[in-house]
Amino acid sequence: MEITPLIIIAIVCVAAFIVFVIYAIVKAQRRRLATGTEEMIGKEVVAQTALNPKGTVLAEGELWTAIAKGNRIEPGEEVIITKVEGLKLWVTKKSKEKEGE
């Protein structure tokens, strides 16, 4: 049986593909997370339902259960995330002073 150049090229291409896939997997595993709960703290989000004290907010394109600290918050009001606990966000009403900045 003779090894033709076509077989050699096919083996090299398959080997290169396997090396590329392994490299991509290793690189993806080493990459740090781009977002996380700690990065959500301090962000401004919009209340979707009334928070009295519990309701939902739209954060990072997803609906989250939120608990308001302080007064009732109406739908559409902007709030600031102060704490993340599991799948719940603790929020406060956005202060008037910050709106002027």
PDB file of N, CA and C in Angstrom:
ATOM      1  N   MET A   1       0.834  -1.176   0.000  1.00  0.00           N
ATOM      2  CA  MET A   1       0.000   0.000   0.000  1.00  0.00           C
ATOM      3  C   MET A   1       0.881   1.242   0.000  1.00  0.00           C
ATOM      4  N   GLU A   2       0.569   2.105  -0.905  1.00  0.00           N
ATOM      5  CA  GLU A   2       1.367   3.308  -1.067  1.00  0.00           C
ATOM      6  C   GLU A   2       0.640   4.512  -0.445  1.00  0.00           C
ATOM      7  N   ILE A   3       1.398   5.345   0.268  1.00  0.00           N
ATOM      8  CA  ILE A   3       0.820   6.551   0.866  1.00  0.00           C
ATOM      9  C   ILE A   3       0.944   7.671  -0.157  1.00  0.00           C
ATOM     10  N   THR A   4      -0.200   8.144  -0.612  1.00  0.00           N
ATOM     11  CA  THR A   4      -0.215   9.188  -1.639  1.00  0.00           C
ATOM     12  C   THR A   4      -0.181  10.567  -0.977  1.00  0.00           C
ATOM     13  N   PRO A   5       0.187  11.566  -1.736  1.00  0.00           N
ATOM     14  CA  PRO A   5       0.194  12.932  -1.198  1.00  0.00           C
ATOM     15  C   PRO A   5      -1.201  13.379  -0.725  1.00  0.00           C
ATOM     16  N   LEU A   6      -2.233  12.871  -1.345  1.00  0.00           N
ATOM     17  CA  LEU A   6      -3.599  13.223  -0.947  1.00  0.00           C
ATOM     18  C   LEU A   6      -3.899  12.723   0.461  1.00  0.00           C
ATOM     19  N   ILE A   7      -3.443  11.528   0.809  1.00  0.00           N
ATOM     20  CA  ILE A   7      -3.637  10.977   2.149  1.00  0.00           C
ATOM     21  C   ILE A   7      -2.848  11.805   3.172  1.00  0.00           C
ATOM     22  N   ILE A   8      -1.632  12.179   2.838  1.00  0.00           N
ATOM     23  CA  ILE A   8      -0.811  12.989   3.737  1.00  0.00           C
ATOM     24  C   ILE A   8      -1.480  14.342   3.999  1.00  0.00           C
ATOM     25  N   ILE A   9      -1.993  14.979   2.961  1.00  0.00           N
ATOM     26  CA  ILE A   9      -2.675  16.266   3.111  1.00  0.00           C
ATOM     27  C   ILE A   9      -3.911  16.114   3.995  1.00  0.00           C
ATOM     28  N   ALA A  10      -4.672  15.045   3.799  1.00  0.00           N
ATOM     29  CA  ALA A  10      -5.868  14.815   4.611  1.00  0.00           C
ATOM     30  C   ALA A  10      -5.504  14.613   6.080  1.00  0.00           C
ATOM     31  N   ILE A  11      -4.470  13.857   6.362  1.00  0.00           N
ATOM     32  CA  ILE A  11      -4.029  13.612   7.741  1.00  0.00           C
ATOM     33  C   ILE A  11      -3.562  14.921   8.387  1.00  0.00           C
ATOM     34  N   VAL A  12      -2.807  15.730   7.664  1.00  0.00           N
ATOM     35  CA  VAL A  12      -2.334  17.005   8.188  1.00  0.00           C
ATOM     36  C   VAL A  12      -3.517  17.933   8.477  1.00  0.00           C
ATOM     37  N   CYS A  13      -4.493  17.986   7.595  1.00  0.00           N
ATOM     38  CA  CYS A  13      -5.665  18.844   7.804  1.00  0.00           C
ATOM     39  C   CYS A  13      -6.467  18.396   9.024  1.00  0.00           C
ATOM     40  N   VAL A  14      -6.688  17.103   9.186  1.00  0.00           N
ATOM     41  CA  VAL A  14      -7.424  16.584  10.343  1.00  0.00           C
ATOM     42  C   VAL A  14      -6.651  16.879  11.630  1.00  0.00           C
ATOM     43  N   ALA A  15      -5.346  16.675  11.615  1.00  0.00           N
ATOM     44  CA  ALA A  15      -4.531  16.953  12.800  1.00  0.00           C
ATOM     45  C   ALA A  15      -4.573  18.443  13.154  1.00  0.00           C
ATOM     46  N   ALA A  16      -4.497  19.309  12.146  1.00  0.00           N
ATOM     47  CA  ALA A  16      -4.557  20.753  12.391  1.00  0.00           C
ATOM     48  C   ALA A  16      -5.913  21.146  12.967  1.00  0.00           C
ATOM     49  N   PHE A  17      -6.978  20.555  12.471  1.00  0.00           N
ATOM     50  CA  PHE A  17      -8.323  20.839  12.986  1.00  0.00           C
ATOM     51  C   PHE A  17      -8.444  20.405  14.446  1.00  0.00           C
ATOM     52  N   ILE A  18      -7.932  19.244  14.777  1.00  0.00           N
ATOM     53  CA  ILE A  18      -7.990  18.744  16.157  1.00  0.00           C
ATOM     54  C   ILE A  18      -7.192  19.658  17.091  1.00  0.00           C
ATOM     55  N   VAL A  19      -6.014  20.090  16.658  1.00  0.00           N
ATOM     56  CA  VAL A  19      -5.205  21.008  17.469  1.00  0.00           C
ATOM     57  C   VAL A  19      -5.951  22.326  17.663  1.00  0.00           C
ATOM     58  N   PHE A  20      -6.582  22.841  16.618  1.00  0.00           N
ATOM     59  CA  PHE A  20      -7.343  24.084  16.722  1.00  0.00           C
ATOM     60  C   PHE A  20      -8.498  23.951  17.706  1.00  0.00           C
ATOM     61  N   VAL A  21      -9.233  22.854  17.662  1.00  0.00           N
ATOM     62  CA  VAL A  21     -10.364  22.644  18.572  1.00  0.00           C
ATOM     63  C   VAL A  21      -9.877  22.559  20.014  1.00  0.00           C
ATOM     64  N   ILE A  22      -8.807  21.831  20.262  1.00  0.00           N
ATOM     65  CA  ILE A  22      -8.265  21.723  21.618  1.00  0.00           C
ATOM     66  C   ILE A  22      -7.798  23.095  22.107  1.00  0.00           C
ATOM     67  N   TYR A  23      -7.141  23.868  21.260  1.00  0.00           N
ATOM     68  CA  TYR A  23      -6.690  25.213  21.625  1.00  0.00           C
ATOM     69  C   TYR A  23      -7.887  26.107  21.980  1.00  0.00           C
ATOM     70  N   ALA A  24      -8.941  26.054  21.177  1.00  0.00           N
ATOM     71  CA  ALA A  24     -10.127  26.879  21.439  1.00  0.00           C
ATOM     72  C   ALA A  24     -10.794  26.497  22.755  1.00  0.00           C
ATOM     73  N   ILE A  25     -10.849  25.226  23.060  1.00  0.00           N
ATOM     74  CA  ILE A  25     -11.458  24.769  24.317  1.00  0.00           C
ATOM     75  C   ILE A  25     -10.635  25.255  25.508  1.00  0.00           C
ATOM     76  N   VAL A  26      -9.330  25.099  25.431  1.00  0.00           N
ATOM     77  CA  VAL A  26      -8.461  25.540  26.534  1.00  0.00           C
ATOM     78  C   VAL A  26      -8.564  27.048  26.718  1.00  0.00           C
ATOM     79  N   LYS A  27      -8.563  27.804  25.642  1.00  0.00           N
ATOM     80  CA  LYS A  27      -8.653  29.260  25.717  1.00  0.00           C
ATOM     81  C   LYS A  27      -9.981  29.684  26.335  1.00  0.00           C
ATOM     82  N   ALA A  28     -11.065  29.034  25.971  1.00  0.00           N
ATOM     83  CA  ALA A  28     -12.389  29.372  26.518  1.00  0.00           C
ATOM     84  C   ALA A  28     -12.465  29.057  28.012  1.00  0.00           C
ATOM     85  N   GLN A  29     -11.830  28.006  28.446  1.00  0.00           N
ATOM     86  CA  GLN A  29     -11.861  27.638  29.864  1.00  0.00           C
ATOM     87  C   GLN A  29     -11.039  28.596  30.716  1.00  0.00           C
ATOM     88  N   ARG A  30     -10.005  29.178  30.178  1.00  0.00           N
ATOM     89  CA  ARG A  30      -9.137  30.083  30.931  1.00  0.00           C
ATOM     90  C   ARG A  30      -9.685  31.508  30.994  1.00  0.00           C
ATOM     91  N   ARG A  31     -10.608  31.841  30.098  1.00  0.00           N
ATOM     92  CA  ARG A  31     -11.132  33.205  30.021  1.00  0.00           C
ATOM     93  C   ARG A  31     -11.933  33.543  31.264  1.00  0.00           C
ATOM     94  N   ARG A  32     -11.740  34.757  31.776  1.00  0.00           N
ATOM     95  CA  ARG A  32     -12.499  35.221  32.931  1.00  0.00           C
ATOM     96  C   ARG A  32     -13.918  35.563  32.499  1.00  0.00           C
ATOM     97  N   LEU A  33     -14.841  35.476  33.441  1.00  0.00           N
ATOM     98  CA  LEU A  33     -16.214  35.834  33.148  1.00  0.00           C
ATOM     99  C   LEU A  33     -16.311  37.328  32.878  1.00  0.00           C
ATOM    100  N   ALA A  34     -17.088  37.676  31.872  1.00  0.00           N
ATOM    101  CA  ALA A  34     -17.233  39.086  31.513  1.00  0.00           C
ATOM    102  C   ALA A  34     -18.208  39.790  32.445  1.00  0.00           C
ATOM    103  N   THR A  35     -19.183  39.076  32.955  1.00  0.00           N
ATOM    104  CA  THR A  35     -20.134  39.672  33.882  1.00  0.00           C
ATOM    105  C   THR A  35     -20.338  38.740  35.049  1.00  0.00           C
ATOM    106  N   GLY A  36     -20.802  39.303  36.104  1.00  0.00           N
ATOM    107  CA  GLY A  36     -21.077  38.514  37.292  1.00  0.00           C
ATOM    108  C   GLY A  36     -21.894  39.352  38.247  1.00  0.00           C
ATOM    109  N   THR A  37     -22.269  38.741  39.337  1.00  0.00           N
ATOM    110  CA  THR A  37     -23.113  39.454  40.284  1.00  0.00           C
ATOM    111  C   THR A  37     -22.411  40.666  40.861  1.00  0.00           C
ATOM    112  N   GLU A  38     -21.095  40.580  41.075  1.00  0.00           N
ATOM    113  CA  GLU A  38     -20.389  41.726  41.642  1.00  0.00           C
ATOM    114  C   GLU A  38     -20.364  42.918  40.692  1.00  0.00           C
ATOM    115  N   GLU A  39     -20.450  42.675  39.386  1.00  0.00           N
ATOM    116  CA  GLU A  39     -20.451  43.763  38.421  1.00  0.00           C
ATOM    117  C   GLU A  39     -21.820  44.410  38.284  1.00  0.00           C
ATOM    118  N   MET A  40     -22.863  43.777  38.795  1.00  0.00           N
ATOM    119  CA  MET A  40     -24.204  44.335  38.702  1.00  0.00           C
ATOM    120  C   MET A  40     -24.441  45.411  39.767  1.00  0.00           C
ATOM    121  N   ILE A  41     -23.709  45.342  40.868  1.00  0.00           N
ATOM    122  CA  ILE A  41     -23.911  46.290  41.951  1.00  0.00           C
ATOM    123  C   ILE A  41     -23.565  47.698  41.467  1.00  0.00           C
ATOM    124  N   GLY A  42     -24.484  48.630  41.707  1.00  0.00           N
ATOM    125  CA  GLY A  42     -24.293  50.017  41.295  1.00  0.00           C
ATOM    126  C   GLY A  42     -24.914  50.359  39.954  1.00  0.00           C
ATOM    127  N   LYS A  43     -25.374  49.364  39.204  1.00  0.00           N
ATOM    128  CA  LYS A  43     -25.979  49.628  37.905  1.00  0.00           C
ATOM    129  C   LYS A  43     -27.408  50.132  38.075  1.00  0.00           C
ATOM    130  N   GLU A  44     -27.812  50.969  37.134  1.00  0.00           N
ATOM    131  CA  GLU A  44     -29.176  51.477  37.118  1.00  0.00           C
ATOM    132  C   GLU A  44     -30.039  50.557  36.264  1.00  0.00           C
ATOM    133  N   VAL A  45     -31.190  50.154  36.807  1.00  0.00           N
ATOM    134  CA  VAL A  45     -32.116  49.281  36.101  1.00  0.00           C
ATOM    135  C   VAL A  45     -33.517  49.874  36.213  1.00  0.00           C
ATOM    136  N   VAL A  46     -34.466  49.320  35.466  1.00  0.00           N
ATOM    137  CA  VAL A  46     -35.823  49.851  35.435  1.00  0.00           C
ATOM    138  C   VAL A  46     -36.786  48.852  36.071  1.00  0.00           C
ATOM    139  N   ALA A  47     -37.641  49.363  36.952  1.00  0.00           N
ATOM    140  CA  ALA A  47     -38.655  48.520  37.588  1.00  0.00           C
ATOM    141  C   ALA A  47     -39.723  48.164  36.557  1.00  0.00           C
ATOM    142  N   GLN A  48     -40.058  46.894  36.469  1.00  0.00           N
ATOM    143  CA  GLN A  48     -41.088  46.435  35.540  1.00  0.00           C
ATOM    144  C   GLN A  48     -42.451  46.352  36.215  1.00  0.00           C
ATOM    145  N   THR A  49     -42.441  46.022  37.504  1.00  0.00           N
ATOM    146  CA  THR A  49     -43.664  45.987  38.298  1.00  0.00           C
ATOM    147  C   THR A  49     -43.443  46.858  39.521  1.00  0.00           C
ATOM    148  N   ALA A  50     -44.519  47.148  40.233  1.00  0.00           N
ATOM    149  CA  ALA A  50     -44.382  47.931  41.458  1.00  0.00           C
ATOM    150  C   ALA A  50     -43.575  47.128  42.472  1.00  0.00           C
ATOM    151  N   LEU A  51     -42.652  47.793  43.131  1.00  0.00           N
ATOM    152  CA  LEU A  51     -41.844  47.146  44.166  1.00  0.00           C
ATOM    153  C   LEU A  51     -42.363  47.626  45.513  1.00  0.00           C
ATOM    154  N   ASN A  52     -43.060  46.741  46.207  1.00  0.00           N
ATOM    155  CA  ASN A  52     -43.657  47.138  47.489  1.00  0.00           C
ATOM    156  C   ASN A  52     -43.582  46.006  48.490  1.00  0.00           C
ATOM    157  N   PRO A  53     -42.544  45.569  49.012  1.00  0.00           N
ATOM    158  CA  PRO A  53     -41.156  45.812  48.618  1.00  0.00           C
ATOM    159  C   PRO A  53     -40.672  44.867  47.527  1.00  0.00           C
ATOM    160  N   LYS A  54     -41.468  43.857  47.131  1.00  0.00           N
ATOM    161  CA  LYS A  54     -40.998  42.854  46.179  1.00  0.00           C
ATOM    162  C   LYS A  54     -41.657  43.055  44.821  1.00  0.00           C
ATOM    163  N   GLY A  55     -40.895  42.848  43.771  1.00  0.00           N
ATOM    164  CA  GLY A  55     -41.404  42.957  42.411  1.00  0.00           C
ATOM    165  C   GLY A  55     -40.350  42.485  41.436  1.00  0.00           C
ATOM    166  N   THR A  56     -40.429  42.952  40.184  1.00  0.00           N
ATOM    167  CA  THR A  56     -39.445  42.550  39.178  1.00  0.00           C
ATOM    168  C   THR A  56     -38.823  43.780  38.530  1.00  0.00           C
ATOM    169  N   VAL A  57     -37.569  43.628  38.127  1.00  0.00           N
ATOM    170  CA  VAL A  57     -36.843  44.676  37.411  1.00  0.00           C
ATOM    171  C   VAL A  57     -36.203  44.062  36.167  1.00  0.00           C
ATOM    172  N   LEU A  58     -35.900  44.914  35.196  1.00  0.00           N
ATOM    173  CA  LEU A  58     -35.213  44.480  33.984  1.00  0.00           C
ATOM    174  C   LEU A  58     -33.746  44.853  34.128  1.00  0.00           C
ATOM    175  N   ALA A  59     -32.898  43.827  34.245  1.00  0.00           N
ATOM    176  CA  ALA A  59     -31.456  44.043  34.401  1.00  0.00           C
ATOM    177  C   ALA A  59     -30.709  43.104  33.470  1.00  0.00           C
ATOM    178  N   GLU A  60     -29.760  43.658  32.730  1.00  0.00           N
ATOM    179  CA  GLU A  60     -28.949  42.855  31.808  1.00  0.00           C
ATOM    180  C   GLU A  60     -29.817  42.117  30.800  1.00  0.00           C
ATOM    181  N   GLY A  61     -30.941  42.714  30.427  1.00  0.00           N
ATOM    182  CA  GLY A  61     -31.831  42.107  29.447  1.00  0.00           C
ATOM    183  C   GLY A  61     -32.687  40.974  29.986  1.00  0.00           C
ATOM    184  N   GLU A  62     -32.685  40.773  31.291  1.00  0.00           N
ATOM    185  CA  GLU A  62     -33.457  39.699  31.905  1.00  0.00           C
ATOM    186  C   GLU A  62     -34.317  40.255  33.030  1.00  0.00           C
ATOM    187  N   LEU A  63     -35.439  39.583  33.294  1.00  0.00           N
ATOM    188  CA  LEU A  63     -36.277  39.963  34.420  1.00  0.00           C
ATOM    189  C   LEU A  63     -35.752  39.301  35.684  1.00  0.00           C
ATOM    190  N   TRP A  64     -35.568  40.107  36.740  1.00  0.00           N
ATOM    191  CA  TRP A  64     -35.057  39.633  38.020  1.00  0.00           C
ATOM    192  C   TRP A  64     -36.068  39.946  39.109  1.00  0.00           C
ATOM    193  N   THR A  65     -36.128  39.099  40.116  1.00  0.00           N
ATOM    194  CA  THR A  65     -36.898  39.403  41.309  1.00  0.00           C
ATOM    195  C   THR A  65     -36.102  40.433  42.098  1.00  0.00           C
ATOM    196  N   ALA A  66     -36.795  41.491  42.529  1.00  0.00           N
ATOM    197  CA  ALA A  66     -36.107  42.559  43.245  1.00  0.00           C
ATOM    198  C   ALA A  66     -36.843  42.886  44.528  1.00  0.00           C
ATOM    199  N   ILE A  67     -36.080  43.298  45.518  1.00  0.00           N
ATOM    200  CA  ILE A  67     -36.633  43.742  46.795  1.00  0.00           C
ATOM    201  C   ILE A  67     -36.161  45.168  47.002  1.00  0.00           C
ATOM    202  N   ALA A  68     -37.130  46.069  47.213  1.00  0.00           N
ATOM    203  CA  ALA A  68     -36.818  47.487  47.365  1.00  0.00           C
ATOM    204  C   ALA A  68     -36.521  47.816  48.818  1.00  0.00           C
ATOM    205  N   LYS A  69     -35.491  48.626  49.012  1.00  0.00           N
ATOM    206  CA  LYS A  69     -35.189  49.162  50.338  1.00  0.00           C
ATOM    207  C   LYS A  69     -35.845  50.536  50.405  1.00  0.00           C
ATOM    208  N   GLY A  70     -36.675  50.739  51.387  1.00  0.00           N
ATOM    209  CA  GLY A  70     -37.295  52.050  51.529  1.00  0.00           C
ATOM    210  C   GLY A  70     -38.702  52.084  50.966  1.00  0.00           C
ATOM    211  N   ASN A  71     -39.029  53.191  50.293  1.00  0.00           N
ATOM    212  CA  ASN A  71     -40.389  53.442  49.812  1.00  0.00           C
ATOM    213  C   ASN A  71     -40.779  52.564  48.633  1.00  0.00           C
ATOM    214  N   ARG A  72     -42.078  52.590  48.330  1.00  0.00           N
ATOM    215  CA  ARG A  72     -42.626  51.877  47.177  1.00  0.00           C
ATOM    216  C   ARG A  72     -42.040  52.474  45.897  1.00  0.00           C
ATOM    217  N   ILE A  73     -41.756  51.614  44.946  1.00  0.00           N
ATOM    218  CA  ILE A  73     -41.211  52.041  43.658  1.00  0.00           C
ATOM    219  C   ILE A  73     -42.218  51.651  42.586  1.00  0.00           C
ATOM    220  N   GLU A  74     -42.563  52.612  41.748  1.00  0.00           N
ATOM    221  CA  GLU A  74     -43.560  52.401  40.703  1.00  0.00           C
ATOM    222  C   GLU A  74     -42.927  51.812  39.442  1.00  0.00           C
ATOM    223  N   PRO A  75     -43.720  51.117  38.604  1.00  0.00           N
ATOM    224  CA  PRO A  75     -43.195  50.586  37.344  1.00  0.00           C
ATOM    225  C   PRO A  75     -42.642  51.714  36.465  1.00  0.00           C
ATOM    226  N   GLY A  76     -41.516  51.459  35.829  1.00  0.00           N
ATOM    227  CA  GLY A  76     -40.884  52.435  34.951  1.00  0.00           C
ATOM    228  C   GLY A  76     -39.856  53.309  35.648  1.00  0.00           C
ATOM    229  N   GLU A  77     -39.840  53.321  36.974  1.00  0.00           N
ATOM    230  CA  GLU A  77     -38.850  54.126  37.701  1.00  0.00           C
ATOM    231  C   GLU A  77     -37.484  53.456  37.637  1.00  0.00           C
ATOM    232  N   GLU A  78     -36.453  54.304  37.624  1.00  0.00           N
ATOM    233  CA  GLU A  78     -35.091  53.782  37.639  1.00  0.00           C
ATOM    234  C   GLU A  78     -34.664  53.527  39.073  1.00  0.00           C
ATOM    235  N   VAL A  79     -34.005  52.399  39.275  1.00  0.00           N
ATOM    236  CA  VAL A  79     -33.495  52.027  40.589  1.00  0.00           C
ATOM    237  C   VAL A  79     -32.037  51.616  40.451  1.00  0.00           C
ATOM    238  N   ILE A  80     -31.332  51.569  41.572  1.00  0.00           N
ATOM    239  CA  ILE A  80     -29.913  51.191  41.581  1.00  0.00           C
ATOM    240  C   ILE A  80     -29.763  49.901  42.373  1.00  0.00           C
ATOM    241  N   ILE A  81     -29.033  48.959  41.817  1.00  0.00           N
ATOM    242  CA  ILE A  81     -28.788  47.684  42.487  1.00  0.00           C
ATOM    243  C   ILE A  81     -27.767  47.907  43.600  1.00  0.00           C
ATOM    244  N   THR A  82     -28.117  47.484  44.822  1.00  0.00           N
ATOM    245  CA  THR A  82     -27.209  47.650  45.956  1.00  0.00           C
ATOM    246  C   THR A  82     -26.638  46.328  46.447  1.00  0.00           C
ATOM    247  N   LYS A  83     -27.338  45.236  46.135  1.00  0.00           N
ATOM    248  CA  LYS A  83     -26.893  43.931  46.638  1.00  0.00           C
ATOM    249  C   LYS A  83     -27.479  42.841  45.749  1.00  0.00           C
ATOM    250  N   VAL A  84     -26.718  41.783  45.552  1.00  0.00           N
ATOM    251  CA  VAL A  84     -27.196  40.621  44.810  1.00  0.00           C
ATOM    252  C   VAL A  84     -27.105  39.429  45.737  1.00  0.00           C
ATOM    253  N   GLU A  85     -28.224  38.745  45.911  1.00  0.00           N
ATOM    254  CA  GLU A  85     -28.275  37.590  46.810  1.00  0.00           C
ATOM    255  C   GLU A  85     -28.969  36.449  46.071  1.00  0.00           C
ATOM    256  N   GLY A  86     -28.174  35.527  45.558  1.00  0.00           N
ATOM    257  CA  GLY A  86     -28.745  34.442  44.760  1.00  0.00           C
ATOM    258  C   GLY A  86     -29.348  35.010  43.486  1.00  0.00           C
ATOM    259  N   LEU A  87     -30.649  34.784  43.291  1.00  0.00           N
ATOM    260  CA  LEU A  87     -31.334  35.308  42.122  1.00  0.00           C
ATOM    261  C   LEU A  87     -32.202  36.514  42.456  1.00  0.00           C
ATOM    262  N   LYS A  88     -31.936  37.148  43.578  1.00  0.00           N
ATOM    263  CA  LYS A  88     -32.681  38.336  43.995  1.00  0.00           C
ATOM    264  C   LYS A  88     -31.759  39.542  44.017  1.00  0.00           C
ATOM    265  N   LEU A  89     -32.320  40.668  43.568  1.00  0.00           N
ATOM    266  CA  LEU A  89     -31.585  41.923  43.598  1.00  0.00           C
ATOM    267  C   LEU A  89     -32.200  42.822  44.660  1.00  0.00           C
ATOM    268  N   TRP A  90     -31.361  43.472  45.429  1.00  0.00           N
ATOM    269  CA  TRP A  90     -31.805  44.472  46.395  1.00  0.00           C
ATOM    270  C   TRP A  90     -31.569  45.817  45.733  1.00  0.00           C
ATOM    271  N   VAL A  91     -32.605  46.645  45.674  1.00  0.00           N
ATOM    272  CA  VAL A  91     -32.504  47.906  44.957  1.00  0.00           C
ATOM    273  C   VAL A  91     -32.987  49.068  45.815  1.00  0.00           C
ATOM    274  N   THR A  92     -32.515  50.266  45.443  1.00  0.00           N
ATOM    275  CA  THR A  92     -32.998  51.498  46.055  1.00  0.00           C
ATOM    276  C   THR A  92     -33.413  52.444  44.949  1.00  0.00           C
ATOM    277  N   LYS A  93     -34.308  53.348  45.287  1.00  0.00           N
ATOM    278  CA  LYS A  93     -34.769  54.332  44.319  1.00  0.00           C
ATOM    279  C   LYS A  93     -33.612  55.247  43.944  1.00  0.00           C
ATOM    280  N   LYS A  94     -33.538  55.590  42.658  1.00  0.00           N
ATOM    281  CA  LYS A  94     -32.486  56.489  42.185  1.00  0.00           C
ATOM    282  C   LYS A  94     -32.752  57.868  42.774  1.00  0.00           C
ATOM    283  N   SER A  95     -31.717  58.454  43.389  1.00  0.00           N
ATOM    284  CA  SER A  95     -31.893  59.747  44.040  1.00  0.00           C
ATOM    285  C   SER A  95     -31.947  60.877  43.011  1.00  0.00           C
ATOM    286  N   LYS A  96     -32.608  61.938  43.381  1.00  0.00           N
ATOM    287  CA  LYS A  96     -32.761  63.097  42.473  1.00  0.00           C
ATOM    288  C   LYS A  96     -31.425  63.791  42.204  1.00  0.00           C
ATOM    289  N   GLU A  97     -30.508  63.777  43.190  1.00  0.00           N
ATOM    290  CA  GLU A  97     -29.218  64.437  42.999  1.00  0.00           C
ATOM    291  C   GLU A  97     -28.414  63.793  41.870  1.00  0.00           C
ATOM    292  N   LYS A  98     -28.497  62.458  41.757  1.00  0.00           N
ATOM    293  CA  LYS A  98     -27.721  61.752  40.744  1.00  0.00           C
ATOM    294  C   LYS A  98     -28.247  62.005  39.344  1.00  0.00           C
ATOM    295  N   GLU A  99     -29.554  62.329  39.211  1.00  0.00           N
ATOM    296  CA  GLU A  99     -30.131  62.574  37.901  1.00  0.00           C
ATOM    297  C   GLU A  99     -29.554  63.839  37.272  1.00  0.00           C
ATOM    298  N   GLY A 100     -29.174  64.825  38.105  1.00  0.00           N
ATOM    299  CA  GLY A 100     -28.646  66.077  37.600  1.00  0.00           C
ATOM    300  C   GLY A 100     -27.200  66.006  37.145  1.00  0.00           C
ATOM    301  N   GLU A 101     -26.489  64.954  37.502  1.00  0.00           N
ATOM    302  CA  GLU A 101     -25.066  64.829  37.156  1.00  0.00           C
ATOM    303  C   GLU A 101     -24.872  64.503  35.702  1.00  0.00           C
TER     304      GLU A 101
END
